[in-house]
Amino acid sequence: MKIKLFLIILLLLGCENEKEQININVSIDGFKKGKIYLQKIKDSALVNLDSMFVNSKKPILLKSQIESPEIFYINLDITKKDNKIAFFAEKGDIKIVTNLKKFNTEFEISGSSNDSIYRIYLSVIRKFNNNRLDLIKLSFDNSKNKDSVAVIRGKLESLNKRQYMYSLNFAVTNGNYHVAPYIALSEFSDSEKILLDTIKTSLSNEVLNSKYGQMLNELIESK
């Protein structure tokens, strides 16, 4: 009887661990040999959660325990270049499809609702950044014309304000996703307490009690 009870407990614990686990299937066209890592930031340092040596066409599967959605990284140890893919990890099965030549610039991720929202945010931020680079280049090209430079500076200030408001609005309107407190922490950590409180108020209880939600609450309390 005691043995049966012990086996049942082990089974229940195993099921619970599976619920807290993330399974990442990675497909990299052109990647024939090398080591691939699953990583995250812990105490300001990049730590390995799982790794696999690839030397064949064997499927790449990386696993880890995860308490709440957060940013993970897929990293290739083949060159000294930055070969990391940052993505919003969450419990369950996630698939990442990419290629060796453009590993961290052309990839597709499925299975993470938080990452899907995060990609929408990043696509708009990328447009802001591209517009900013165009204006900076235009400023250099017209550096001898003070009136033109003044106009361009005005456009840059306007662009920065629009990006600021976009990030704030995105965080507030997506309080059901863990992306919201992450944006608050990465974009508004130096902002006033009232602004951070505005984002916090929009968060669902689940998000508020998550890793990034708790970090946001700690940041607010430190203000």
Protein backbone atom coordinates (compact mmCIF):
# COMPACT_ATOMS: atom_id res chain seq x y z
CA MET A 1 0.00 0.00 0.00
CA LYS A 2 2.82 2.39 0.93
CA ILE A 3 4.61 1.61 -2.35
CA LYS A 4 1.47 2.34 -4.38
CA LEU A 5 0.98 5.63 -2.54
CA PHE A 6 4.61 6.56 -3.18
CA LEU A 7 4.24 5.82 -6.90
CA ILE A 8 1.07 7.92 -7.10
CA ILE A 9 2.87 10.86 -5.44
CA LEU A 10 5.76 10.53 -7.90
CA LEU A 11 3.30 10.47 -10.80
CA LEU A 12 1.52 13.58 -9.56
CA LEU A 13 4.84 15.39 -9.06
CA GLY A 14 5.89 14.42 -12.57
CA CYS A 15 2.66 15.80 -14.04
CA GLU A 16 3.13 19.03 -12.08
CA ASN A 17 6.69 19.41 -13.37
CA GLU A 18 5.46 18.95 -16.94
CA LYS A 19 2.97 21.77 -16.40
CA GLU A 20 5.84 24.05 -15.34
CA GLN A 21 8.07 23.03 -18.25
CA ILE A 22 8.90 24.66 -21.54
CA ASN A 23 9.85 22.50 -24.54
CA ILE A 24 11.55 24.33 -27.40
CA ASN A 25 11.84 22.67 -30.78
CA VAL A 26 14.46 24.45 -32.89
CA SER A 27 14.97 24.06 -36.64
CA ILE A 28 18.05 25.75 -38.15
CA ASP A 29 18.51 25.35 -41.88
CA GLY A 30 22.22 24.94 -42.71
CA PHE A 31 23.29 24.18 -39.13
CA LYS A 32 25.15 20.87 -39.28
CA LYS A 33 27.50 20.85 -36.33
CA GLY A 34 27.90 22.85 -33.12
CA LYS A 35 26.45 23.52 -29.71
CA ILE A 36 23.19 25.31 -29.04
CA TYR A 37 22.17 26.77 -25.69
CA LEU A 38 18.97 27.80 -23.95
CA GLN A 39 19.75 30.75 -21.67
CA LYS A 40 18.23 33.48 -19.53
CA ILE A 41 19.37 36.43 -17.43
CA LYS A 42 19.75 35.66 -13.73
CA ASP A 43 21.26 38.14 -11.28
CA SER A 44 22.47 40.28 -14.23
CA ALA A 45 24.35 37.34 -15.77
CA LEU A 46 23.52 35.09 -18.72
CA VAL A 47 23.12 31.51 -17.45
CA ASN A 48 22.64 28.22 -19.30
CA LEU A 49 19.37 26.36 -18.75
CA ASP A 50 19.93 23.59 -21.27
CA SER A 51 22.25 22.75 -24.15
CA MET A 52 22.67 20.25 -26.96
CA PHE A 53 25.50 19.29 -29.27
CA VAL A 54 24.27 19.01 -32.85
CA ASN A 55 26.15 16.66 -35.15
CA SER A 56 23.41 15.28 -37.36
CA LYS A 57 19.87 15.91 -38.52
CA LYS A 58 18.57 14.86 -35.11
CA PRO A 59 15.75 17.18 -33.92
CA ILE A 60 16.89 19.95 -31.59
CA LEU A 61 14.87 19.96 -28.37
CA LEU A 62 15.73 22.19 -25.41
CA LYS A 63 13.87 22.08 -22.09
CA SER A 64 13.64 24.05 -18.87
CA GLN A 65 11.43 24.71 -15.90
CA ILE A 66 9.68 28.08 -15.98
CA GLU A 67 7.48 29.69 -13.32
CA SER A 68 6.05 32.52 -15.42
CA PRO A 69 6.66 33.96 -18.90
CA GLU A 70 10.01 35.71 -19.29
CA ILE A 71 12.70 36.45 -21.85
CA PHE A 72 14.83 33.44 -22.81
CA TYR A 73 17.62 33.20 -25.39
CA ILE A 74 18.64 30.63 -27.98
CA ASN A 75 22.39 30.94 -28.51
CA LEU A 76 24.73 29.29 -31.01
CA ASP A 77 28.30 28.68 -29.91
CA ILE A 78 29.93 28.75 -33.35
CA THR A 79 31.51 32.19 -33.61
CA LYS A 80 32.31 35.15 -31.38
CA LYS A 81 29.49 37.11 -32.99
CA ASP A 82 26.17 37.78 -31.29
CA ASN A 83 24.11 34.73 -32.27
CA LYS A 84 21.30 35.03 -29.75
CA ILE A 85 17.58 34.97 -30.44
CA ALA A 86 15.64 36.67 -27.64
CA PHE A 87 12.06 35.50 -27.22
CA PHE A 88 9.25 35.49 -24.68
CA ALA A 89 9.21 31.99 -23.21
CA GLU A 90 6.17 30.46 -21.53
CA LYS A 91 4.98 27.03 -20.41
CA GLY A 92 4.28 24.48 -23.12
CA ASP A 93 5.69 23.76 -26.55
CA ILE A 94 7.40 26.47 -28.58
CA LYS A 95 8.81 26.13 -32.08
CA ILE A 96 11.59 28.30 -33.52
CA VAL A 97 12.43 28.09 -37.23
CA THR A 98 15.45 29.95 -38.63
CA ASN A 99 18.56 29.52 -40.78
CA LEU A 100 22.27 29.62 -40.04
CA LYS A 101 23.07 32.55 -42.35
CA LYS A 102 20.54 34.91 -40.78
CA PHE A 103 20.04 33.12 -37.50
CA ASN A 104 18.91 36.02 -35.30
CA THR A 105 17.44 38.30 -37.97
CA GLU A 106 15.10 36.03 -39.93
CA PHE A 107 13.25 33.62 -37.66
CA GLU A 108 9.71 32.53 -36.84
CA ILE A 109 8.41 31.67 -33.39
CA SER A 110 5.13 29.90 -32.62
CA GLY A 111 3.54 28.59 -29.44
CA SER A 112 3.98 31.65 -27.23
CA SER A 113 1.12 34.16 -27.02
CA ASN A 114 3.35 36.60 -25.13
CA ASP A 115 6.00 36.43 -27.82
CA SER A 116 3.40 37.13 -30.51
CA ILE A 117 2.41 40.34 -28.70
CA TYR A 118 6.08 41.17 -28.13
CA ARG A 119 6.79 40.89 -31.89
CA ILE A 120 4.03 43.37 -32.65
CA TYR A 121 5.60 45.82 -30.22
CA LEU A 122 9.12 45.30 -31.60
CA SER A 123 8.00 45.76 -35.21
CA VAL A 124 6.68 49.26 -34.43
CA ILE A 125 9.73 50.16 -32.32
CA ARG A 126 11.91 49.08 -35.26
CA LYS A 127 10.09 51.59 -37.48
CA PHE A 128 10.68 54.35 -34.92
CA ASN A 129 14.38 53.46 -34.81
CA ASN A 130 14.69 53.43 -38.59
CA ASN A 131 13.01 56.83 -38.82
CA ARG A 132 15.38 58.13 -36.14
CA LEU A 133 18.42 56.91 -38.08
CA ASP A 134 17.12 58.58 -41.24
CA LEU A 135 16.70 61.89 -39.42
CA ILE A 136 20.16 61.66 -37.84
CA LYS A 137 21.71 61.02 -41.27
CA LEU A 138 19.73 63.93 -42.69
CA SER A 139 21.05 66.13 -39.88
CA PHE A 140 24.66 65.25 -40.74
CA ASP A 141 24.05 65.84 -44.43
CA ASN A 142 22.66 69.31 -43.68
CA SER A 143 25.02 70.21 -40.84
CA LYS A 144 26.02 73.48 -42.51
CA ASN A 145 22.43 74.65 -42.76
CA LYS A 146 21.38 75.78 -39.26
CA ASP A 147 17.72 76.22 -40.18
CA SER A 148 17.49 72.68 -41.59
CA VAL A 149 19.25 71.23 -38.55
CA ALA A 150 16.79 73.01 -36.24
CA VAL A 151 13.83 71.58 -38.16
CA ILE A 152 15.31 68.08 -38.05
CA ARG A 153 15.94 68.35 -34.30
CA GLY A 154 12.30 69.28 -33.85
CA LYS A 155 11.27 66.20 -35.81
CA LEU A 156 13.55 64.03 -33.66
CA GLU A 157 12.02 65.37 -30.46
CA SER A 158 8.55 64.72 -31.83
CA LEU A 159 9.55 61.19 -32.85
CA ASN A 160 10.96 60.45 -29.39
CA LYS A 161 7.76 61.66 -27.73
CA ARG A 162 5.61 59.53 -30.04
CA GLN A 163 7.71 56.44 -29.30
CA TYR A 164 7.50 57.15 -25.58
CA MET A 165 3.72 57.43 -25.74
CA TYR A 166 3.43 54.35 -27.93
CA SER A 167 5.41 52.21 -25.46
CA LEU A 168 3.36 53.52 -22.53
CA ASN A 169 0.05 52.95 -24.28
CA PHE A 170 1.11 49.47 -25.43
CA ALA A 171 2.00 48.46 -21.87
CA VAL A 172 -1.24 49.84 -20.41
CA THR A 173 -3.51 48.26 -23.05
CA ASN A 174 -1.84 44.84 -22.82
CA GLY A 175 -2.01 44.31 -19.08
CA ASN A 176 -3.11 40.69 -19.54
CA TYR A 177 0.27 39.88 -21.08
CA HIS A 178 3.63 39.62 -19.33
CA VAL A 179 5.05 41.90 -22.01
CA ALA A 180 3.48 44.86 -20.17
CA PRO A 181 5.62 44.83 -16.99
CA TYR A 182 8.65 43.90 -19.11
CA ILE A 183 8.20 47.08 -21.17
CA ALA A 184 7.78 49.06 -17.95
CA LEU A 185 11.05 47.68 -16.59
CA SER A 186 13.04 48.07 -19.81
CA GLU A 187 11.69 51.43 -21.00
CA PHE A 188 10.42 53.31 -17.94
CA SER A 189 12.64 52.25 -15.04
CA ASP A 190 13.81 55.87 -14.57
CA SER A 191 10.33 57.34 -14.87
CA GLU A 192 8.25 58.80 -12.07
CA LYS A 193 6.34 56.54 -9.70
CA ILE A 194 2.95 57.74 -10.94
CA LEU A 195 3.68 56.53 -14.47
CA LEU A 196 4.82 53.11 -13.26
CA ASP A 197 1.73 52.90 -11.06
CA THR A 198 -0.41 53.53 -14.13
CA ILE A 199 1.08 50.48 -15.83
CA LYS A 200 0.83 48.39 -12.66
CA THR A 201 -2.88 49.23 -12.26
CA SER A 202 -3.54 47.84 -15.75
CA LEU A 203 -2.01 44.43 -14.98
CA SER A 204 -4.11 41.34 -14.37
CA ASN A 205 -3.58 39.49 -11.09
CA GLU A 206 -1.73 36.71 -12.90
CA VAL A 207 0.70 39.15 -14.54
CA LEU A 208 1.09 41.17 -11.34
CA ASN A 209 2.16 38.04 -9.45
CA SER A 210 4.59 36.94 -12.17
CA LYS A 211 8.36 37.49 -12.24
CA TYR A 212 8.22 40.78 -14.13
CA GLY A 213 5.11 41.91 -12.25
CA GLN A 214 6.88 41.45 -8.92
CA MET A 215 10.00 43.19 -10.23
CA LEU A 216 7.85 46.15 -11.29
CA ASN A 217 6.24 46.28 -7.87
CA GLU A 218 9.68 46.26 -6.22
CA LEU A 219 10.81 49.08 -8.51
CA ILE A 220 7.76 51.17 -7.59
CA GLU A 221 8.31 50.58 -3.87
CA SER A 222 11.91 51.74 -4.23
CA LYS A 223 10.85 55.12 -5.68
